[in-house]
PDB file of all heavy atoms in Angstrom:
ATOM      1  N   CYS A   1     -42.141 -60.851 -17.329  1.00  0.00           N
ATOM      2  CA  CYS A   1     -42.767 -61.727 -16.260  1.00  0.00           C
ATOM      3  C   CYS A   1     -43.497 -60.924 -15.271  1.00  0.00           C
ATOM      4  O   CYS A   1     -44.545 -61.265 -14.799  1.00  0.00           O
ATOM      5  CB  CYS A   1     -41.740 -62.712 -15.603  1.00  0.00           C
ATOM      6  SG  CYS A   1     -40.576 -61.880 -14.545  1.00  0.00           S
ATOM      7  N   GLY A   2     -43.083 -59.711 -14.996  1.00  0.00           N
ATOM      8  CA  GLY A   2     -43.852 -58.829 -14.027  1.00  0.00           C
ATOM      9  C   GLY A   2     -45.050 -58.297 -14.685  1.00  0.00           C
ATOM     10  O   GLY A   2     -46.172 -58.213 -13.925  1.00  0.00           O
ATOM     11  N   ILE A   3     -44.977 -57.970 -15.946  1.00  0.00           N
ATOM     12  CA  ILE A   3     -46.229 -57.535 -16.669  1.00  0.00           C
ATOM     13  C   ILE A   3     -47.214 -58.730 -16.788  1.00  0.00           C
ATOM     14  O   ILE A   3     -48.365 -58.479 -16.758  1.00  0.00           O
ATOM     15  CB  ILE A   3     -45.833 -56.926 -18.112  1.00  0.00           C
ATOM     16  CG1 ILE A   3     -44.997 -55.712 -17.937  1.00  0.00           C
ATOM     17  CG2 ILE A   3     -47.064 -56.685 -18.820  1.00  0.00           C
ATOM     18  CD1 ILE A   3     -44.266 -55.212 -19.173  1.00  0.00           C
ATOM     19  N   ASP A   4     -46.696 -59.924 -17.064  1.00  0.00           N
ATOM     20  CA  ASP A   4     -47.514 -61.102 -17.172  1.00  0.00           C
ATOM     21  C   ASP A   4     -48.149 -61.458 -15.927  1.00  0.00           C
ATOM     22  O   ASP A   4     -49.126 -62.396 -16.038  1.00  0.00           O
ATOM     23  CB  ASP A   4     -46.710 -62.179 -17.795  1.00  0.00           C
ATOM     24  CG  ASP A   4     -46.426 -62.021 -19.209  1.00  0.00           C
ATOM     25  OD1 ASP A   4     -47.001 -61.258 -19.968  1.00  0.00           O
ATOM     26  OD2 ASP A   4     -45.526 -62.703 -19.753  1.00  0.00           O
ATOM     27  N   ARG A   5     -47.764 -60.926 -14.798  1.00  0.00           N
ATOM     28  CA  ARG A   5     -48.547 -61.313 -13.560  1.00  0.00           C
ATOM     29  C   ARG A   5     -49.890 -60.517 -13.456  1.00  0.00           C
ATOM     30  O   ARG A   5     -50.790 -60.857 -12.615  1.00  0.00           O
ATOM     31  CB  ARG A   5     -47.631 -60.954 -12.318  1.00  0.00           C
ATOM     32  CG  ARG A   5     -46.543 -61.820 -12.162  1.00  0.00           C
ATOM     33  CD  ARG A   5     -45.758 -61.486 -10.848  1.00  0.00           C
ATOM     34  NE  ARG A   5     -44.523 -62.298 -10.902  1.00  0.00           N
ATOM     35  CZ  ARG A   5     -43.328 -61.791 -10.651  1.00  0.00           C
ATOM     36  NH1 ARG A   5     -43.146 -60.478 -10.379  1.00  0.00           N
ATOM     37  NH2 ARG A   5     -42.249 -62.505 -10.679  1.00  0.00           N
ATOM     38  N   ILE A   6     -50.057 -59.563 -14.317  1.00  0.00           N
ATOM     39  CA  ILE A   6     -51.396 -58.820 -14.221  1.00  0.00           C
ATOM     40  C   ILE A   6     -52.359 -59.845 -14.796  1.00  0.00           C
ATOM     41  O   ILE A   6     -52.232 -60.413 -15.829  1.00  0.00           O
ATOM     42  CB  ILE A   6     -51.250 -57.556 -15.178  1.00  0.00           C
ATOM     43  CG1 ILE A   6     -50.316 -56.608 -14.770  1.00  0.00           C
ATOM     44  CG2 ILE A   6     -52.736 -56.939 -15.305  1.00  0.00           C
ATOM     45  CD1 ILE A   6     -49.983 -55.532 -15.581  1.00  0.00           C
ATOM     46  N   LYS A   7     -53.510 -59.968 -13.983  1.00  0.00           N
ATOM     47  CA  LYS A   7     -54.556 -61.019 -14.245  1.00  0.00           C
ATOM     48  C   LYS A   7     -55.386 -60.544 -15.407  1.00  0.00           C
ATOM     49  O   LYS A   7     -55.767 -61.522 -16.196  1.00  0.00           O
ATOM     50  CB  LYS A   7     -55.413 -61.195 -12.965  1.00  0.00           C
ATOM     51  CG  LYS A   7     -54.540 -61.837 -11.902  1.00  0.00           C
ATOM     52  CD  LYS A   7     -55.386 -62.233 -10.725  1.00  0.00           C
ATOM     53  CE  LYS A   7     -54.408 -62.554  -9.573  1.00  0.00           C
ATOM     54  NZ  LYS A   7     -54.529 -63.726  -8.984  1.00  0.00           N
ATOM     55  N   ALA A   8     -55.786 -59.331 -15.571  1.00  0.00           N
ATOM     56  CA  ALA A   8     -56.638 -58.976 -16.764  1.00  0.00           C
ATOM     57  C   ALA A   8     -55.921 -58.935 -18.032  1.00  0.00           C
ATOM     58  O   ALA A   8     -54.974 -58.057 -18.205  1.00  0.00           O
ATOM     59  CB  ALA A   8     -57.216 -57.630 -16.487  1.00  0.00           C
ATOM     60  N   LYS A   9     -56.078 -59.870 -18.841  1.00  0.00           N
ATOM     61  CA  LYS A   9     -55.394 -59.952 -20.218  1.00  0.00           C
ATOM     62  C   LYS A   9     -55.468 -58.717 -21.096  1.00  0.00           C
ATOM     63  O   LYS A   9     -54.436 -58.250 -21.694  1.00  0.00           O
ATOM     64  CB  LYS A   9     -55.992 -61.213 -20.859  1.00  0.00           C
ATOM     65  CG  LYS A   9     -55.066 -61.434 -22.194  1.00  0.00           C
ATOM     66  CD  LYS A   9     -55.455 -62.839 -22.787  1.00  0.00           C
ATOM     67  CE  LYS A   9     -54.436 -63.138 -23.884  1.00  0.00           C
ATOM     68  NZ  LYS A   9     -54.741 -64.448 -24.565  1.00  0.00           N
ATOM     69  N   PRO A  10     -56.650 -58.124 -21.141  1.00  0.00           N
ATOM     70  CA  PRO A  10     -56.679 -56.846 -21.989  1.00  0.00           C
ATOM     71  C   PRO A  10     -55.843 -55.802 -21.449  1.00  0.00           C
ATOM     72  O   PRO A  10     -55.166 -55.100 -22.166  1.00  0.00           O
ATOM     73  CB  PRO A  10     -58.107 -56.365 -21.936  1.00  0.00           C
ATOM     74  CG  PRO A  10     -58.932 -57.619 -21.651  1.00  0.00           C
ATOM     75  CD  PRO A  10     -58.041 -58.428 -20.768  1.00  0.00           C
ATOM     76  N   LEU A  11     -55.833 -55.593 -20.141  1.00  0.00           N
ATOM     77  CA  LEU A  11     -54.922 -54.606 -19.526  1.00  0.00           C
ATOM     78  C   LEU A  11     -53.457 -55.009 -19.722  1.00  0.00           C
ATOM     79  O   LEU A  11     -52.622 -54.082 -20.044  1.00  0.00           O
ATOM     80  CB  LEU A  11     -55.130 -54.574 -18.044  1.00  0.00           C
ATOM     81  CG  LEU A  11     -54.322 -53.571 -17.144  1.00  0.00           C
ATOM     82  CD1 LEU A  11     -54.520 -52.054 -17.829  1.00  0.00           C
ATOM     83  CD2 LEU A  11     -54.688 -53.717 -15.689  1.00  0.00           C
ATOM     84  N   ARG A  12     -53.089 -56.264 -19.656  1.00  0.00           N
ATOM     85  CA  ARG A  12     -51.792 -56.795 -19.945  1.00  0.00           C
ATOM     86  C   ARG A  12     -51.340 -56.404 -21.399  1.00  0.00           C
ATOM     87  O   ARG A  12     -50.196 -55.892 -21.604  1.00  0.00           O
ATOM     88  CB  ARG A  12     -51.751 -58.273 -19.626  1.00  0.00           C
ATOM     89  CG  ARG A  12     -50.327 -58.793 -19.467  1.00  0.00           C
ATOM     90  CD  ARG A  12     -50.300 -60.142 -19.017  1.00  0.00           C
ATOM     91  NE  ARG A  12     -51.222 -61.114 -19.759  1.00  0.00           N
ATOM     92  CZ  ARG A  12     -52.091 -61.917 -19.353  1.00  0.00           C
ATOM     93  NH1 ARG A  12     -52.302 -61.987 -17.991  1.00  0.00           N
ATOM     94  NH2 ARG A  12     -52.718 -62.657 -20.073  1.00  0.00           N
ATOM     95  N   ILE A  13     -52.207 -56.660 -22.277  1.00  0.00           N
ATOM     96  CA  ILE A  13     -51.814 -56.394 -23.726  1.00  0.00           C
ATOM     97  C   ILE A  13     -51.751 -54.942 -23.974  1.00  0.00           C
ATOM     98  O   ILE A  13     -50.742 -54.470 -24.546  1.00  0.00           O
ATOM     99  CB  ILE A  13     -52.876 -57.034 -24.608  1.00  0.00           C
ATOM    100  CG1 ILE A  13     -52.902 -58.619 -24.571  1.00  0.00           C
ATOM    101  CG2 ILE A  13     -52.742 -56.621 -26.084  1.00  0.00           C
ATOM    102  CD1 ILE A  13     -54.026 -59.288 -25.189  1.00  0.00           C
ATOM    103  N   ILE A  14     -52.583 -54.120 -23.413  1.00  0.00           N
ATOM    104  CA  ILE A  14     -52.556 -52.743 -23.587  1.00  0.00           C
ATOM    105  C   ILE A  14     -51.264 -52.157 -22.932  1.00  0.00           C
ATOM    106  O   ILE A  14     -50.663 -51.214 -23.642  1.00  0.00           O
ATOM    107  CB  ILE A  14     -53.819 -52.103 -22.996  1.00  0.00           C
ATOM    108  CG1 ILE A  14     -55.052 -52.317 -23.935  1.00  0.00           C
ATOM    109  CG2 ILE A  14     -53.595 -50.567 -22.919  1.00  0.00           C
ATOM    110  CD1 ILE A  14     -56.369 -51.948 -23.320  1.00  0.00           C
ATOM    111  N   LEU A  15     -50.933 -52.584 -21.754  1.00  0.00           N
ATOM    112  CA  LEU A  15     -49.688 -52.111 -21.136  1.00  0.00           C
ATOM    113  C   LEU A  15     -48.380 -52.479 -21.948  1.00  0.00           C
ATOM    114  O   LEU A  15     -47.548 -51.687 -22.138  1.00  0.00           O
ATOM    115  CB  LEU A  15     -49.644 -52.680 -19.791  1.00  0.00           C
ATOM    116  CG  LEU A  15     -48.381 -52.216 -18.881  1.00  0.00           C
ATOM    117  CD1 LEU A  15     -48.553 -50.698 -18.719  1.00  0.00           C
ATOM    118  CD2 LEU A  15     -48.348 -52.941 -17.552  1.00  0.00           C
ATOM    119  N   LYS A  16     -48.380 -53.733 -22.524  1.00  0.00           N
ATOM    120  CA  LYS A  16     -47.282 -54.056 -23.249  1.00  0.00           C
ATOM    121  C   LYS A  16     -47.205 -53.151 -24.493  1.00  0.00           C
ATOM    122  O   LYS A  16     -46.066 -52.856 -24.902  1.00  0.00           O
ATOM    123  CB  LYS A  16     -47.294 -55.566 -23.713  1.00  0.00           C
ATOM    124  CG  LYS A  16     -47.087 -56.527 -22.627  1.00  0.00           C
ATOM    125  CD  LYS A  16     -47.276 -57.924 -23.103  1.00  0.00           C
ATOM    126  CE  LYS A  16     -47.122 -58.936 -22.033  1.00  0.00           C
ATOM    127  NZ  LYS A  16     -47.268 -60.338 -22.514  1.00  0.00           N
ATOM    128  N   LEU A  17     -48.274 -53.081 -25.225  1.00  0.00           N
ATOM    129  CA  LEU A  17     -48.307 -52.180 -26.434  1.00  0.00           C
ATOM    130  C   LEU A  17     -47.962 -50.769 -26.121  1.00  0.00           C
ATOM    131  O   LEU A  17     -47.219 -50.130 -26.921  1.00  0.00           O
ATOM    132  CB  LEU A  17     -49.668 -52.314 -27.190  1.00  0.00           C
ATOM    133  CG  LEU A  17     -49.847 -53.623 -27.797  1.00  0.00           C
ATOM    134  CD1 LEU A  17     -51.225 -53.797 -28.382  1.00  0.00           C
ATOM    135  CD2 LEU A  17     -48.865 -53.796 -28.986  1.00  0.00           C
ATOM    136  N   LEU A  18     -48.434 -50.222 -25.020  1.00  0.00           N
ATOM    137  CA  LEU A  18     -48.089 -48.780 -24.696  1.00  0.00           C
ATOM    138  C   LEU A  18     -46.561 -48.753 -24.417  1.00  0.00           C
ATOM    139  O   LEU A  18     -45.990 -47.808 -24.771  1.00  0.00           O
ATOM    140  CB  LEU A  18     -48.922 -48.396 -23.511  1.00  0.00           C
ATOM    141  CG  LEU A  18     -50.365 -48.001 -23.709  1.00  0.00           C
ATOM    142  CD1 LEU A  18     -51.041 -47.725 -22.411  1.00  0.00           C
ATOM    143  CD2 LEU A  18     -50.372 -46.755 -24.544  1.00  0.00           C
ATOM    144  N   LEU A  19     -45.998 -49.648 -23.663  1.00  0.00           N
ATOM    145  CA  LEU A  19     -44.556 -49.640 -23.300  1.00  0.00           C
ATOM    146  C   LEU A  19     -43.762 -49.683 -24.610  1.00  0.00           C
ATOM    147  O   LEU A  19     -42.865 -48.878 -24.868  1.00  0.00           O
ATOM    148  CB  LEU A  19     -44.217 -50.809 -22.445  1.00  0.00           C
ATOM    149  CG  LEU A  19     -42.735 -50.948 -22.062  1.00  0.00           C
ATOM    150  CD1 LEU A  19     -42.216 -49.716 -21.269  1.00  0.00           C
ATOM    151  CD2 LEU A  19     -42.488 -52.190 -21.385  1.00  0.00           C
ATOM    152  N   PHE A  20     -44.193 -50.635 -25.560  1.00  0.00           N
ATOM    153  CA  PHE A  20     -43.369 -50.694 -26.764  1.00  0.00           C
ATOM    154  C   PHE A  20     -43.554 -49.517 -27.667  1.00  0.00           C
ATOM    155  O   PHE A  20     -42.540 -48.984 -28.170  1.00  0.00           O
ATOM    156  CB  PHE A  20     -43.899 -51.946 -27.601  1.00  0.00           C
ATOM    157  CG  PHE A  20     -43.360 -52.094 -28.979  1.00  0.00           C
ATOM    158  CD1 PHE A  20     -41.991 -52.445 -29.049  1.00  0.00           C
ATOM    159  CD2 PHE A  20     -44.055 -51.885 -30.147  1.00  0.00           C
ATOM    160  CE1 PHE A  20     -41.455 -52.610 -30.221  1.00  0.00           C
ATOM    161  CE2 PHE A  20     -43.376 -51.874 -31.384  1.00  0.00           C
ATOM    162  CZ  PHE A  20     -42.164 -52.297 -31.487  1.00  0.00           C
ATOM    163  N   ASN A  21     -44.738 -48.957 -27.813  1.00  0.00           N
ATOM    164  CA  ASN A  21     -44.942 -47.764 -28.662  1.00  0.00           C
ATOM    165  C   ASN A  21     -44.232 -46.550 -28.128  1.00  0.00           C
ATOM    166  O   ASN A  21     -43.656 -45.704 -28.821  1.00  0.00           O
ATOM    167  CB  ASN A  21     -46.433 -47.426 -28.964  1.00  0.00           C
ATOM    168  CG  ASN A  21     -46.914 -48.466 -29.958  1.00  0.00           C
ATOM    169  OD1 ASN A  21     -46.378 -48.604 -31.074  1.00  0.00           O
ATOM    170  ND2 ASN A  21     -47.918 -49.305 -29.601  1.00  0.00           N
ATOM    171  N   ALA A  22     -44.238 -46.380 -26.764  1.00  0.00           N
ATOM    172  CA  ALA A  22     -43.535 -45.222 -26.134  1.00  0.00           C
ATOM    173  C   ALA A  22     -41.977 -45.340 -26.304  1.00  0.00           C
ATOM    174  O   ALA A  22     -41.404 -44.350 -26.663  1.00  0.00           O
ATOM    175  CB  ALA A  22     -43.819 -45.232 -24.556  1.00  0.00           C
ATOM    176  N   MET A  23     -41.443 -46.551 -26.121  1.00  0.00           N
ATOM    177  CA  MET A  23     -39.997 -46.760 -26.368  1.00  0.00           C
ATOM    178  C   MET A  23     -39.673 -46.658 -27.830  1.00  0.00           C
ATOM    179  O   MET A  23     -38.633 -46.125 -28.264  1.00  0.00           O
ATOM    180  CB  MET A  23     -39.533 -48.122 -25.853  1.00  0.00           C
ATOM    181  CG  MET A  23     -39.652 -48.096 -24.347  1.00  0.00           C
ATOM    182  SD  MET A  23     -38.716 -46.941 -23.527  1.00  0.00           S
ATOM    183  CE  MET A  23     -40.026 -45.930 -22.711  1.00  0.00           C
ATOM    184  N   LEU A  24     -40.563 -47.146 -28.779  1.00  0.00           N
ATOM    185  CA  LEU A  24     -40.257 -46.961 -30.108  1.00  0.00           C
ATOM    186  C   LEU A  24     -40.308 -45.466 -30.583  1.00  0.00           C
ATOM    187  O   LEU A  24     -39.469 -44.966 -31.332  1.00  0.00           O
ATOM    188  CB  LEU A  24     -41.321 -47.706 -30.989  1.00  0.00           C
ATOM    189  CG  LEU A  24     -41.163 -47.730 -32.534  1.00  0.00           C
ATOM    190  CD1 LEU A  24     -39.807 -48.419 -32.990  1.00  0.00           C
ATOM    191  CD2 LEU A  24     -42.401 -48.349 -33.195  1.00  0.00           C
ATOM    192  N   THR A  25     -41.288 -44.775 -30.084  1.00  0.00           N
ATOM    193  CA  THR A  25     -41.228 -43.248 -30.382  1.00  0.00           C
ATOM    194  C   THR A  25     -40.106 -42.603 -29.797  1.00  0.00           C
ATOM    195  O   THR A  25     -39.452 -41.790 -30.470  1.00  0.00           O
ATOM    196  CB  THR A  25     -42.514 -42.772 -29.639  1.00  0.00           C
ATOM    197  OG1 THR A  25     -43.649 -43.398 -30.336  1.00  0.00           O
ATOM    198  CG2 THR A  25     -42.661 -41.262 -30.015  1.00  0.00           C
ATOM    199  N   ALA A  26     -39.656 -42.950 -28.562  1.00  0.00           N
ATOM    200  CA  ALA A  26     -38.450 -42.272 -27.841  1.00  0.00           C
ATOM    201  C   ALA A  26     -37.219 -42.633 -28.759  1.00  0.00           C
ATOM    202  O   ALA A  26     -36.459 -41.751 -28.987  1.00  0.00           O
ATOM    203  CB  ALA A  26     -38.372 -42.868 -26.412  1.00  0.00           C
TER     204      ALA A  26
END
């Protein structure tokens, strides 16, 4: 819900994917 508060949808999607891929790699 904190990530979803970001108004720019492309930035929100990129942030979610970056977080997921960083954690998957870790």
